[in-house]
Amino acid sequence: MNTRIRRTAVTLAAAAVLPFALSACSDDSNDSAQDNSSSAAASAPASEDGMSGSDASMNDEPFGPACAGVPDEGAGSFDGMAKDPVATAASNNPALSTLVAAVTKAGLVDTLNNAQDITVFAPTNDAFAKIPKADLDAVLNDKEQLTKILTYHVVGQKLAPADLTNGTFETLEKSKLTTSGSGESYTVNDSAKVVCGNVKTANANVYIIDTVLMPTS
């Protein structure tokens, strides 16, 4: 009889302990899952606008159809251009050879290379080709007018794509240009389209455009 009582007591004790043991295991599992979730969240920090670090990085990349023509490596690649000041970087991009020749003729290479935190709207060779040859030759041989036109393409601050949405900026030529657009589609002065934007150089942000800008004054 005593043996039967002892067995019953042991069985009841085990039954009483089991729910607490299961509860403890469940709590440990939940805590572990929460810790893992917190760790995963911490490994993907959000930017100020709520995007994850990878999304924010993607939005900081060059964009536009003409970007496909930029070499993948070398001095003319995006990585290569980022290491050089803007006039030097442009000289390594074959699509900007007319612009580089004009900058050299105007004596602005050192001015642009030594400037800090600027934005350059850089017309492509095709943009210059839109100008009648006689008019272009006349401008290229008039240093004062050439300097005026080229400095109109330069803004004295670094502009991010978001700044171009609806902006008005004073140029180094001292008159203003306007920008508009969103996402990966922007225009300057309602005429020139950005065909490869947000290109970084050592001292400037570059927006390659399909039309030469003309100052109003």
C-alpha atoms as a PDB file:
ATOM      1  CA  MET A   1       0.000   0.000   0.000  1.00  0.00           C
ATOM      2  CA  ASN A   2       2.798   2.423   0.831  1.00  0.00           C
ATOM      3  CA  THR A   3       4.519   1.595  -2.463  1.00  0.00           C
ATOM      4  CA  ARG A   4       1.341   2.382  -4.410  1.00  0.00           C
ATOM      5  CA  ILE A   5       0.970   5.752  -2.646  1.00  0.00           C
ATOM      6  CA  ARG A   6       4.597   6.699  -3.389  1.00  0.00           C
ATOM      7  CA  ARG A   7       4.141   5.892  -7.136  1.00  0.00           C
ATOM      8  CA  THR A   8       0.987   8.012  -7.305  1.00  0.00           C
ATOM      9  CA  ALA A   9       2.768  10.929  -5.632  1.00  0.00           C
ATOM     10  CA  VAL A  10       5.682  10.726  -8.092  1.00  0.00           C
ATOM     11  CA  THR A  11       3.284  10.647 -11.065  1.00  0.00           C
ATOM     12  CA  LEU A  12       1.376  13.689  -9.783  1.00  0.00           C
ATOM     13  CA  ALA A  13       4.614  15.627  -9.199  1.00  0.00           C
ATOM     14  CA  ALA A  14       5.838  14.884 -12.719  1.00  0.00           C
ATOM     15  CA  ALA A  15       2.505  15.985 -14.179  1.00  0.00           C
ATOM     16  CA  ALA A  16       2.691  19.239 -12.226  1.00  0.00           C
ATOM     17  CA  VAL A  17       6.262  20.005 -13.360  1.00  0.00           C
ATOM     18  CA  LEU A  18       5.750  19.191 -17.080  1.00  0.00           C
ATOM     19  CA  PRO A  19       3.657  22.278 -18.024  1.00  0.00           C
ATOM     20  CA  PHE A  20       6.230  24.599 -16.439  1.00  0.00           C
ATOM     21  CA  ALA A  21       9.043  22.891 -18.363  1.00  0.00           C
ATOM     22  CA  LEU A  22       7.168  23.195 -21.668  1.00  0.00           C
ATOM     23  CA  SER A  23       6.372  26.844 -20.916  1.00  0.00           C
ATOM     24  CA  ALA A  24      10.029  27.610 -20.236  1.00  0.00           C
ATOM     25  CA  CYS A  25      11.110  25.943 -23.510  1.00  0.00           C
ATOM     26  CA  SER A  26       8.513  27.940 -25.417  1.00  0.00           C
ATOM     27  CA  ASP A  27       9.699  31.217 -23.848  1.00  0.00           C
ATOM     28  CA  ASP A  28      13.318  30.425 -24.723  1.00  0.00           C
ATOM     29  CA  SER A  29      12.317  29.690 -28.341  1.00  0.00           C
ATOM     30  CA  ASN A  30      10.393  32.966 -28.634  1.00  0.00           C
ATOM     31  CA  ASP A  31      13.257  34.930 -27.103  1.00  0.00           C
ATOM     32  CA  SER A  32      15.670  33.323 -29.573  1.00  0.00           C
ATOM     33  CA  ALA A  33      13.427  34.149 -32.523  1.00  0.00           C
ATOM     34  CA  GLN A  34      13.082  37.756 -31.343  1.00  0.00           C
ATOM     35  CA  ASP A  35      16.837  38.040 -30.903  1.00  0.00           C
ATOM     36  CA  ASN A  36      17.393  36.693 -34.433  1.00  0.00           C
ATOM     37  CA  SER A  37      14.805  39.107 -35.831  1.00  0.00           C
ATOM     38  CA  SER A  38      16.417  42.044 -34.041  1.00  0.00           C
ATOM     39  CA  SER A  39      19.833  40.993 -35.314  1.00  0.00           C
ATOM     40  CA  ALA A  40      18.561  40.793 -38.898  1.00  0.00           C
ATOM     41  CA  ALA A  41      16.986  44.238 -38.627  1.00  0.00           C
ATOM     42  CA  ALA A  42      20.183  45.694 -37.226  1.00  0.00           C
ATOM     43  CA  SER A  43      22.212  44.251 -40.120  1.00  0.00           C
ATOM     44  CA  ALA A  44      20.182  46.283 -42.672  1.00  0.00           C
ATOM     45  CA  PRO A  45      20.240  49.861 -41.375  1.00  0.00           C
ATOM     46  CA  ALA A  46      17.671  52.225 -42.806  1.00  0.00           C
ATOM     47  CA  SER A  47      18.501  55.598 -44.289  1.00  0.00           C
ATOM     48  CA  GLU A  48      16.775  58.789 -43.198  1.00  0.00           C
ATOM     49  CA  ASP A  49      13.973  58.275 -45.734  1.00  0.00           C
ATOM     50  CA  GLY A  50      13.274  54.786 -44.417  1.00  0.00           C
ATOM     51  CA  MET A  51      15.027  52.824 -47.149  1.00  0.00           C
ATOM     52  CA  SER A  52      17.441  50.061 -46.312  1.00  0.00           C
ATOM     53  CA  GLY A  53      21.119  50.689 -46.841  1.00  0.00           C
ATOM     54  CA  SER A  54      21.172  48.682 -50.077  1.00  0.00           C
ATOM     55  CA  ASP A  55      18.176  50.571 -51.518  1.00  0.00           C
ATOM     56  CA  ALA A  56      19.705  53.932 -50.622  1.00  0.00           C
ATOM     57  CA  SER A  57      22.974  52.876 -52.252  1.00  0.00           C
ATOM     58  CA  MET A  58      21.170  51.893 -55.473  1.00  0.00           C
ATOM     59  CA  ASN A  59      19.567  55.353 -55.660  1.00  0.00           C
ATOM     60  CA  ASP A  60      23.012  56.922 -55.443  1.00  0.00           C
ATOM     61  CA  GLU A  61      24.234  55.214 -58.621  1.00  0.00           C
ATOM     62  CA  PRO A  62      24.565  56.828 -62.080  1.00  0.00           C
ATOM     63  CA  PHE A  63      21.401  56.534 -64.172  1.00  0.00           C
ATOM     64  CA  GLY A  64      20.196  57.157 -67.708  1.00  0.00           C
ATOM     65  CA  PRO A  65      20.409  55.521 -71.142  1.00  0.00           C
ATOM     66  CA  ALA A  66      23.817  56.970 -72.043  1.00  0.00           C
ATOM     67  CA  CYS A  67      25.399  55.403 -68.944  1.00  0.00           C
ATOM     68  CA  ALA A  68      25.460  52.099 -70.834  1.00  0.00           C
ATOM     69  CA  GLY A  69      28.220  53.500 -73.047  1.00  0.00           C
ATOM     70  CA  VAL A  70      30.579  54.149 -70.130  1.00  0.00           C
ATOM     71  CA  PRO A  71      33.412  51.572 -69.885  1.00  0.00           C
ATOM     72  CA  ASP A  72      33.178  49.021 -67.078  1.00  0.00           C
ATOM     73  CA  GLU A  73      36.764  49.625 -65.985  1.00  0.00           C
ATOM     74  CA  GLY A  74      39.692  51.961 -66.475  1.00  0.00           C
ATOM     75  CA  ALA A  75      40.036  55.745 -66.155  1.00  0.00           C
ATOM     76  CA  GLY A  76      36.851  56.331 -68.166  1.00  0.00           C
ATOM     77  CA  SER A  77      34.683  54.066 -65.994  1.00  0.00           C
ATOM     78  CA  PHE A  78      32.511  55.422 -63.207  1.00  0.00           C
ATOM     79  CA  ASP A  79      35.025  54.215 -60.612  1.00  0.00           C
ATOM     80  CA  GLY A  80      37.891  55.745 -62.581  1.00  0.00           C
ATOM     81  CA  MET A  81      36.144  59.097 -63.015  1.00  0.00           C
ATOM     82  CA  ALA A  82      35.419  59.246 -59.287  1.00  0.00           C
ATOM     83  CA  LYS A  83      39.167  59.375 -58.611  1.00  0.00           C
ATOM     84  CA  ASP A  84      39.923  62.363 -60.871  1.00  0.00           C
ATOM     85  CA  PRO A  85      38.870  66.034 -60.782  1.00  0.00           C
ATOM     86  CA  VAL A  86      36.110  66.855 -63.219  1.00  0.00           C
ATOM     87  CA  ALA A  87      38.013  68.182 -66.268  1.00  0.00           C
ATOM     88  CA  THR A  88      40.449  65.277 -66.118  1.00  0.00           C
ATOM     89  CA  ALA A  89      37.616  62.792 -65.609  1.00  0.00           C
ATOM     90  CA  ALA A  90      35.734  64.199 -68.618  1.00  0.00           C
ATOM     91  CA  SER A  91      38.838  63.849 -70.784  1.00  0.00           C
ATOM     92  CA  ASN A  92      38.682  60.086 -70.235  1.00  0.00           C
ATOM     93  CA  ASN A  93      35.110  59.868 -71.580  1.00  0.00           C
ATOM     94  CA  PRO A  94      35.097  59.747 -75.421  1.00  0.00           C
ATOM     95  CA  ALA A  95      31.506  61.070 -75.540  1.00  0.00           C
ATOM     96  CA  LEU A  96      32.706  64.363 -74.010  1.00  0.00           C
ATOM     97  CA  SER A  97      35.689  65.055 -76.262  1.00  0.00           C
ATOM     98  CA  THR A  98      34.185  68.199 -77.844  1.00  0.00           C
ATOM     99  CA  LEU A  99      33.413  69.613 -74.404  1.00  0.00           C
ATOM    100  CA  VAL A 100      36.947  68.862 -73.231  1.00  0.00           C
ATOM    101  CA  ALA A 101      38.387  70.573 -76.324  1.00  0.00           C
ATOM    102  CA  ALA A 102      36.218  73.632 -75.632  1.00  0.00           C
ATOM    103  CA  VAL A 103      37.222  73.735 -71.952  1.00  0.00           C
ATOM    104  CA  THR A 104      40.884  73.488 -72.941  1.00  0.00           C
ATOM    105  CA  LYS A 105      40.513  76.246 -75.565  1.00  0.00           C
ATOM    106  CA  ALA A 106      38.863  78.527 -72.988  1.00  0.00           C
ATOM    107  CA  GLY A 107      41.653  77.867 -70.464  1.00  0.00           C
ATOM    108  CA  LEU A 108      39.226  76.482 -67.877  1.00  0.00           C
ATOM    109  CA  VAL A 109      40.856  73.113 -67.148  1.00  0.00           C
ATOM    110  CA  ASP A 110      42.604  74.258 -63.952  1.00  0.00           C
ATOM    111  CA  THR A 111      39.593  76.323 -62.883  1.00  0.00           C
ATOM    112  CA  LEU A 112      37.310  73.295 -63.019  1.00  0.00           C
ATOM    113  CA  ASN A 113      39.837  70.848 -61.596  1.00  0.00           C
ATOM    114  CA  ASN A 114      40.627  73.093 -58.621  1.00  0.00           C
ATOM    115  CA  ALA A 115      37.021  74.009 -57.803  1.00  0.00           C
ATOM    116  CA  GLN A 116      35.407  72.312 -54.825  1.00  0.00           C
ATOM    117  CA  ASP A 117      31.927  70.801 -54.595  1.00  0.00           C
ATOM    118  CA  ILE A 118      30.486  71.810 -57.962  1.00  0.00           C
ATOM    119  CA  THR A 119      27.970  70.380 -60.400  1.00  0.00           C
ATOM    120  CA  VAL A 120      28.708  70.243 -64.126  1.00  0.00           C
ATOM    121  CA  PHE A 121      26.030  69.787 -66.780  1.00  0.00           C
ATOM    122  CA  ALA A 122      28.196  68.250 -69.489  1.00  0.00           C
ATOM    123  CA  PRO A 123      26.969  68.316 -73.128  1.00  0.00           C
ATOM    124  CA  THR A 124      27.834  65.286 -75.234  1.00  0.00           C
ATOM    125  CA  ASN A 125      29.535  65.430 -78.619  1.00  0.00           C
ATOM    126  CA  ASP A 126      26.096  64.954 -80.190  1.00  0.00           C
ATOM    127  CA  ALA A 127      24.841  67.987 -78.268  1.00  0.00           C
ATOM    128  CA  PHE A 128      27.540  70.165 -79.804  1.00  0.00           C
ATOM    129  CA  ALA A 129      26.781  68.631 -83.215  1.00  0.00           C
ATOM    130  CA  LYS A 130      23.279  70.153 -83.034  1.00  0.00           C
ATOM    131  CA  ILE A 131      24.874  73.604 -83.378  1.00  0.00           C
ATOM    132  CA  PRO A 132      25.522  74.634 -87.005  1.00  0.00           C
ATOM    133  CA  LYS A 133      29.218  74.191 -87.738  1.00  0.00           C
ATOM    134  CA  ALA A 134      29.779  77.831 -88.664  1.00  0.00           C
ATOM    135  CA  ASP A 135      28.209  78.990 -85.378  1.00  0.00           C
ATOM    136  CA  LEU A 136      30.169  76.454 -83.334  1.00  0.00           C
ATOM    137  CA  ASP A 137      33.459  77.420 -84.990  1.00  0.00           C
ATOM    138  CA  ALA A 138      32.712  81.087 -84.289  1.00  0.00           C
ATOM    139  CA  VAL A 139      32.082  80.373 -80.610  1.00  0.00           C
ATOM    140  CA  LEU A 140      35.192  78.208 -80.295  1.00  0.00           C
ATOM    141  CA  ASN A 141      37.264  81.088 -81.646  1.00  0.00           C
ATOM    142  CA  ASP A 142      35.714  83.672 -79.308  1.00  0.00           C
ATOM    143  CA  LYS A 143      37.273  82.964 -75.914  1.00  0.00           C
ATOM    144  CA  GLU A 144      35.062  85.410 -74.021  1.00  0.00           C
ATOM    145  CA  GLN A 145      31.827  83.987 -75.436  1.00  0.00           C
ATOM    146  CA  LEU A 146      33.090  80.416 -75.068  1.00  0.00           C
ATOM    147  CA  THR A 147      33.953  81.006 -71.407  1.00  0.00           C
ATOM    148  CA  LYS A 148      30.520  82.511 -70.825  1.00  0.00           C
ATOM    149  CA  ILE A 149      28.769  79.471 -72.324  1.00  0.00           C
ATOM    150  CA  LEU A 150      30.934  76.893 -70.534  1.00  0.00           C
ATOM    151  CA  THR A 151      30.667  78.509 -67.088  1.00  0.00           C
ATOM    152  CA  TYR A 152      26.888  78.612 -67.570  1.00  0.00           C
ATOM    153  CA  HIS A 153      27.035  74.807 -67.362  1.00  0.00           C
ATOM    154  CA  VAL A 154      28.569  74.872 -63.859  1.00  0.00           C
ATOM    155  CA  VAL A 155      26.758  75.332 -60.531  1.00  0.00           C
ATOM    156  CA  GLY A 156      28.779  76.133 -57.417  1.00  0.00           C
ATOM    157  CA  GLN A 157      27.371  73.327 -55.278  1.00  0.00           C
ATOM    158  CA  LYS A 158      26.984  69.574 -55.521  1.00  0.00           C
ATOM    159  CA  LEU A 159      23.464  68.697 -56.633  1.00  0.00           C
ATOM    160  CA  ALA A 160      21.928  65.304 -55.920  1.00  0.00           C
ATOM    161  CA  PRO A 161      19.193  63.997 -58.243  1.00  0.00           C
ATOM    162  CA  ALA A 162      16.516  64.976 -55.706  1.00  0.00           C
ATOM    163  CA  ASP A 163      17.730  68.592 -55.915  1.00  0.00           C
ATOM    164  CA  LEU A 164      16.832  68.676 -59.622  1.00  0.00           C
ATOM    165  CA  THR A 165      13.134  67.944 -59.096  1.00  0.00           C
ATOM    166  CA  ASN A 166      12.137  71.602 -59.255  1.00  0.00           C
ATOM    167  CA  GLY A 167      15.225  73.754 -58.882  1.00  0.00           C
ATOM    168  CA  THR A 168      16.678  77.115 -59.835  1.00  0.00           C
ATOM    169  CA  PHE A 169      20.429  77.522 -59.448  1.00  0.00           C
ATOM    170  CA  GLU A 170      22.937  80.284 -60.034  1.00  0.00           C
ATOM    171  CA  THR A 171      25.755  79.282 -62.359  1.00  0.00           C
ATOM    172  CA  LEU A 172      29.392  80.350 -62.364  1.00  0.00           C
ATOM    173  CA  GLU A 173      28.448  82.567 -65.305  1.00  0.00           C
ATOM    174  CA  LYS A 174      26.208  84.413 -62.778  1.00  0.00           C
ATOM    175  CA  SER A 175      22.852  83.803 -64.466  1.00  0.00           C
ATOM    176  CA  LYS A 176      20.415  81.074 -63.490  1.00  0.00           C
ATOM    177  CA  LEU A 177      19.385  77.721 -64.920  1.00  0.00           C
ATOM    178  CA  THR A 178      16.350  75.639 -63.988  1.00  0.00           C
ATOM    179  CA  THR A 179      15.862  71.916 -63.568  1.00  0.00           C
ATOM    180  CA  SER A 180      12.808  69.694 -63.349  1.00  0.00           C
ATOM    181  CA  GLY A 181      11.840  66.043 -63.308  1.00  0.00           C
ATOM    182  CA  SER A 182      11.832  63.048 -60.992  1.00  0.00           C
ATOM    183  CA  GLY A 183      13.120  59.496 -60.625  1.00  0.00           C
ATOM    184  CA  GLU A 184      15.586  59.026 -63.475  1.00  0.00           C
ATOM    185  CA  SER A 185      14.118  61.612 -65.876  1.00  0.00           C
ATOM    186  CA  TYR A 186      15.304  65.229 -65.638  1.00  0.00           C
ATOM    187  CA  THR A 187      15.564  68.230 -67.935  1.00  0.00           C
ATOM    188  CA  VAL A 188      17.560  71.454 -67.712  1.00  0.00           C
ATOM    189  CA  ASN A 189      15.988  74.724 -68.884  1.00  0.00           C
ATOM    190  CA  ASP A 190      13.075  72.639 -70.246  1.00  0.00           C
ATOM    191  CA  SER A 191      15.231  71.695 -73.236  1.00  0.00           C
ATOM    192  CA  ALA A 192      18.282  69.610 -72.367  1.00  0.00           C
ATOM    193  CA  LYS A 193      17.646  66.054 -71.186  1.00  0.00           C
ATOM    194  CA  VAL A 194      19.911  64.336 -68.670  1.00  0.00           C
ATOM    195  CA  VAL A 195      21.100  61.210 -70.496  1.00  0.00           C
ATOM    196  CA  CYS A 196      23.505  59.979 -67.808  1.00  0.00           C
ATOM    197  CA  GLY A 197      23.125  61.519 -64.381  1.00  0.00           C
ATOM    198  CA  ASN A 198      24.699  61.443 -60.940  1.00  0.00           C
ATOM    199  CA  VAL A 199      28.210  60.695 -62.216  1.00  0.00           C
ATOM    200  CA  LYS A 200      30.735  61.328 -59.444  1.00  0.00           C
ATOM    201  CA  THR A 201      34.189  62.828 -59.875  1.00  0.00           C
ATOM    202  CA  ALA A 202      36.678  63.791 -57.175  1.00  0.00           C
ATOM    203  CA  ASN A 203      35.302  67.334 -56.897  1.00  0.00           C
ATOM    204  CA  ALA A 204      31.995  67.384 -58.762  1.00  0.00           C
ATOM    205  CA  ASN A 205      28.702  65.722 -59.581  1.00  0.00           C
ATOM    206  CA  VAL A 206      28.203  65.469 -63.344  1.00  0.00           C
ATOM    207  CA  TYR A 207      24.961  65.291 -65.318  1.00  0.00           C
ATOM    208  CA  ILE A 208      25.611  64.497 -68.973  1.00  0.00           C
ATOM    209  CA  ILE A 209      23.057  66.292 -71.194  1.00  0.00           C
ATOM    210  CA  ASP A 210      21.968  66.081 -74.838  1.00  0.00           C
ATOM    211  CA  THR A 211      21.832  69.822 -75.617  1.00  0.00           C
ATOM    212  CA  VAL A 212      24.240  72.720 -75.112  1.00  0.00           C
ATOM    213  CA  LEU A 213      22.818  75.298 -72.690  1.00  0.00           C
ATOM    214  CA  MET A 214      22.881  78.962 -73.703  1.00  0.00           C
ATOM    215  CA  PRO A 215      22.926  81.763 -71.107  1.00  0.00           C
ATOM    216  CA  THR A 216      20.104  84.255 -71.469  1.00  0.00           C
ATOM    217  CA  SER A 217      22.223  87.333 -70.753  1.00  0.00           C
END
